[in-house]
N, C-alpha and C. Protein backbone atom coordinates (compact mmCIF):
# COMPACT_ATOMS: atom_id res chain seq x y z
N UNK A 1 0.85 -1.18 0.00
CA UNK A 1 0.00 0.00 0.00
C UNK A 1 0.89 1.24 0.00
N UNK A 2 0.58 2.15 -0.87
CA UNK A 2 1.37 3.38 -0.99
C UNK A 2 0.55 4.55 -0.45
N UNK A 3 0.40 4.59 0.85
CA UNK A 3 -0.35 5.67 1.49
C UNK A 3 0.53 6.92 1.55
N UNK A 4 -0.10 8.10 1.62
CA UNK A 4 0.71 9.32 1.78
C UNK A 4 1.57 9.21 3.05
N UNK A 5 2.73 9.83 3.00
CA UNK A 5 3.61 9.84 4.16
C UNK A 5 2.97 10.64 5.30
N UNK A 6 3.24 10.23 6.51
CA UNK A 6 2.80 11.01 7.65
C UNK A 6 3.80 12.14 7.88
N UNK A 7 3.44 13.11 8.68
CA UNK A 7 4.37 14.19 9.00
C UNK A 7 5.60 13.65 9.71
N UNK A 8 5.43 12.64 10.55
CA UNK A 8 6.58 12.01 11.21
C UNK A 8 7.50 11.35 10.18
N UNK A 9 6.91 10.69 9.18
CA UNK A 9 7.71 10.10 8.11
C UNK A 9 8.53 11.18 7.40
N UNK A 10 7.88 12.27 7.05
CA UNK A 10 8.56 13.37 6.36
C UNK A 10 9.74 13.89 7.16
N UNK A 11 9.56 14.02 8.45
CA UNK A 11 10.63 14.54 9.31
C UNK A 11 11.86 13.64 9.32
N UNK A 12 11.68 12.36 9.00
CA UNK A 12 12.79 11.40 9.02
C UNK A 12 13.40 11.17 7.63
N UNK A 13 12.96 11.90 6.62
CA UNK A 13 13.38 11.60 5.25
C UNK A 13 14.30 12.65 4.64
N UNK A 14 14.99 13.42 5.44
CA UNK A 14 15.92 14.42 4.91
C UNK A 14 16.87 13.78 3.90
N UNK A 15 16.99 14.40 2.74
CA UNK A 15 17.90 13.92 1.70
C UNK A 15 17.34 12.82 0.83
N UNK A 16 16.13 12.38 1.07
CA UNK A 16 15.53 11.28 0.30
C UNK A 16 14.53 11.81 -0.72
N UNK A 17 14.36 11.07 -1.83
CA UNK A 17 13.36 11.49 -2.83
C UNK A 17 11.95 11.14 -2.34
N UNK A 18 11.03 12.05 -2.63
CA UNK A 18 9.61 11.82 -2.34
C UNK A 18 8.81 12.25 -3.56
N UNK A 19 7.70 11.58 -3.80
CA UNK A 19 6.79 11.94 -4.88
C UNK A 19 5.81 12.95 -4.30
N UNK A 20 5.88 14.18 -4.79
CA UNK A 20 5.07 15.27 -4.26
C UNK A 20 3.92 15.55 -5.22
N UNK A 21 2.70 15.55 -4.68
CA UNK A 21 1.51 15.85 -5.45
C UNK A 21 0.90 17.13 -4.89
N UNK A 22 0.94 18.18 -5.70
CA UNK A 22 0.25 19.41 -5.35
C UNK A 22 -1.11 19.28 -6.03
N UNK A 23 -2.16 19.13 -5.24
CA UNK A 23 -3.47 18.78 -5.76
C UNK A 23 -3.94 19.77 -6.82
N UNK A 24 -4.45 19.22 -7.91
CA UNK A 24 -4.94 19.99 -9.06
C UNK A 24 -3.87 20.85 -9.72
N UNK A 25 -2.58 20.50 -9.51
CA UNK A 25 -1.54 21.32 -10.13
C UNK A 25 -0.41 20.49 -10.72
N UNK A 26 0.30 19.72 -9.88
CA UNK A 26 1.46 19.00 -10.39
C UNK A 26 1.76 17.77 -9.56
N UNK A 27 2.60 16.92 -10.12
CA UNK A 27 3.11 15.73 -9.42
C UNK A 27 4.50 15.48 -9.94
N UNK A 28 5.48 15.37 -9.03
CA UNK A 28 6.86 15.20 -9.45
C UNK A 28 7.72 14.70 -8.30
N UNK A 29 8.88 14.14 -8.67
CA UNK A 29 9.86 13.74 -7.67
C UNK A 29 10.60 14.97 -7.18
N UNK A 30 10.81 15.05 -5.87
CA UNK A 30 11.64 16.10 -5.28
C UNK A 30 12.48 15.46 -4.18
N UNK A 31 13.64 16.05 -3.93
CA UNK A 31 14.50 15.59 -2.84
C UNK A 31 14.18 16.45 -1.61
N UNK A 32 13.80 15.78 -0.54
CA UNK A 32 13.43 16.49 0.69
C UNK A 32 14.68 17.03 1.36
N UNK A 33 14.70 18.32 1.61
CA UNK A 33 15.82 18.94 2.32
C UNK A 33 15.57 18.85 3.83
N UNK A 34 14.45 19.40 4.29
CA UNK A 34 14.13 19.32 5.71
C UNK A 34 12.70 19.81 5.96
N UNK A 35 12.19 19.46 7.11
CA UNK A 35 10.92 19.98 7.59
C UNK A 35 11.27 21.08 8.59
N UNK A 36 10.94 22.32 8.25
CA UNK A 36 11.29 23.46 9.08
C UNK A 36 10.11 23.86 9.94
N UNK A 37 10.14 23.45 11.20
CA UNK A 37 9.05 23.80 12.11
C UNK A 37 9.44 24.96 13.03
N UNK A 38 10.67 25.44 12.89
CA UNK A 38 11.13 26.54 13.74
C UNK A 38 10.70 27.90 13.20
N UNK A 39 10.60 28.02 11.87
CA UNK A 39 10.20 29.30 11.30
C UNK A 39 8.71 29.52 11.54
N UNK A 40 8.32 30.75 11.43
CA UNK A 40 6.91 31.10 11.63
C UNK A 40 6.03 30.47 10.56
N UNK A 41 6.58 30.31 9.34
CA UNK A 41 5.79 29.78 8.24
C UNK A 41 5.64 28.26 8.26
N UNK A 42 6.52 27.55 8.94
CA UNK A 42 6.48 26.08 9.03
C UNK A 42 6.32 25.46 7.64
N UNK A 43 7.45 25.18 7.02
CA UNK A 43 7.45 24.67 5.65
C UNK A 43 8.25 23.40 5.51
N UNK A 44 8.00 22.70 4.41
CA UNK A 44 8.82 21.57 4.01
C UNK A 44 9.67 22.08 2.86
N UNK A 45 10.99 22.02 3.03
CA UNK A 45 11.93 22.54 2.04
C UNK A 45 12.48 21.40 1.19
N UNK A 46 12.66 21.68 -0.11
CA UNK A 46 13.19 20.71 -1.04
C UNK A 46 14.49 21.23 -1.63
N UNK A 47 15.36 20.33 -2.06
CA UNK A 47 16.69 20.72 -2.55
C UNK A 47 16.65 21.58 -3.80
N UNK A 48 15.56 21.53 -4.56
CA UNK A 48 15.47 22.36 -5.76
C UNK A 48 15.11 23.80 -5.44
N UNK A 49 14.98 24.12 -4.15
CA UNK A 49 14.63 25.47 -3.73
C UNK A 49 13.14 25.68 -3.53
N UNK A 50 12.35 24.69 -3.91
CA UNK A 50 10.90 24.82 -3.72
C UNK A 50 10.54 24.49 -2.27
N UNK A 51 9.34 24.83 -1.89
CA UNK A 51 8.86 24.54 -0.55
C UNK A 51 7.34 24.43 -0.58
N UNK A 52 6.81 23.75 0.39
CA UNK A 52 5.36 23.60 0.54
C UNK A 52 5.01 23.88 2.00
N UNK A 53 3.88 24.55 2.23
CA UNK A 53 3.49 24.86 3.61
C UNK A 53 3.09 23.61 4.39
N UNK A 54 3.67 23.45 5.55
CA UNK A 54 3.37 22.30 6.40
C UNK A 54 1.90 22.31 6.82
N UNK A 55 1.34 23.49 7.02
CA UNK A 55 -0.06 23.61 7.46
C UNK A 55 -1.04 23.14 6.40
N UNK A 56 -0.59 23.05 5.13
CA UNK A 56 -1.48 22.62 4.05
C UNK A 56 -1.29 21.16 3.67
N UNK A 57 -0.40 20.46 4.39
CA UNK A 57 -0.17 19.05 4.08
C UNK A 57 -1.44 18.25 4.32
N UNK A 58 -1.82 17.47 3.32
CA UNK A 58 -3.04 16.68 3.40
C UNK A 58 -4.26 17.42 2.88
N UNK A 59 -4.14 18.72 2.72
CA UNK A 59 -5.24 19.53 2.18
C UNK A 59 -4.94 19.96 0.76
N UNK A 60 -3.75 20.54 0.55
CA UNK A 60 -3.36 21.07 -0.75
C UNK A 60 -2.26 20.25 -1.42
N UNK A 61 -1.52 19.48 -0.63
CA UNK A 61 -0.44 18.68 -1.20
C UNK A 61 -0.18 17.45 -0.35
N UNK A 62 0.41 16.43 -0.98
CA UNK A 62 0.75 15.18 -0.32
C UNK A 62 2.12 14.71 -0.79
N UNK A 63 2.76 13.89 -0.02
CA UNK A 63 4.04 13.29 -0.41
C UNK A 63 3.96 11.79 -0.20
N UNK A 64 4.61 11.06 -1.10
CA UNK A 64 4.61 9.60 -1.08
C UNK A 64 6.04 9.08 -1.18
N UNK A 65 6.27 7.92 -0.63
CA UNK A 65 7.57 7.27 -0.75
C UNK A 65 7.77 6.74 -2.17
N UNK A 66 6.67 6.31 -2.82
CA UNK A 66 6.69 5.79 -4.18
C UNK A 66 5.63 6.50 -5.00
N UNK A 67 5.83 6.56 -6.28
CA UNK A 67 4.84 7.16 -7.18
C UNK A 67 3.57 6.30 -7.16
N UNK A 68 2.41 6.90 -6.83
CA UNK A 68 1.17 6.11 -6.81
C UNK A 68 0.86 5.52 -8.18
N UNK A 69 0.30 4.32 -8.19
CA UNK A 69 -0.01 3.63 -9.46
C UNK A 69 -0.88 4.47 -10.37
N UNK A 70 -1.87 5.19 -9.81
CA UNK A 70 -2.76 5.98 -10.66
C UNK A 70 -2.02 7.14 -11.31
N UNK A 71 -0.81 7.47 -10.84
CA UNK A 71 -0.01 8.54 -11.42
C UNK A 71 0.93 8.02 -12.52
N UNK A 72 1.13 6.71 -12.59
CA UNK A 72 2.06 6.13 -13.57
C UNK A 72 1.43 6.15 -14.95
N UNK A 73 2.19 6.62 -15.91
CA UNK A 73 1.65 6.72 -17.28
C UNK A 73 2.20 5.61 -18.15
């Protein structure tokens, strides 16, 4: 089963690739840099310089350890 990663999973995956789905927008592999909970914005940072708001995880975006089958072309 390829369920979305939990926030605890994300916190342990620094430097690892994750399949990021921004709902109704995009889906792509990104390398997780870190989960920044110290800043006021609380974001998940990726090595490509992109970031996603931690507060929107599960609402606007999700991350997976593997590409979901329905996403495979």
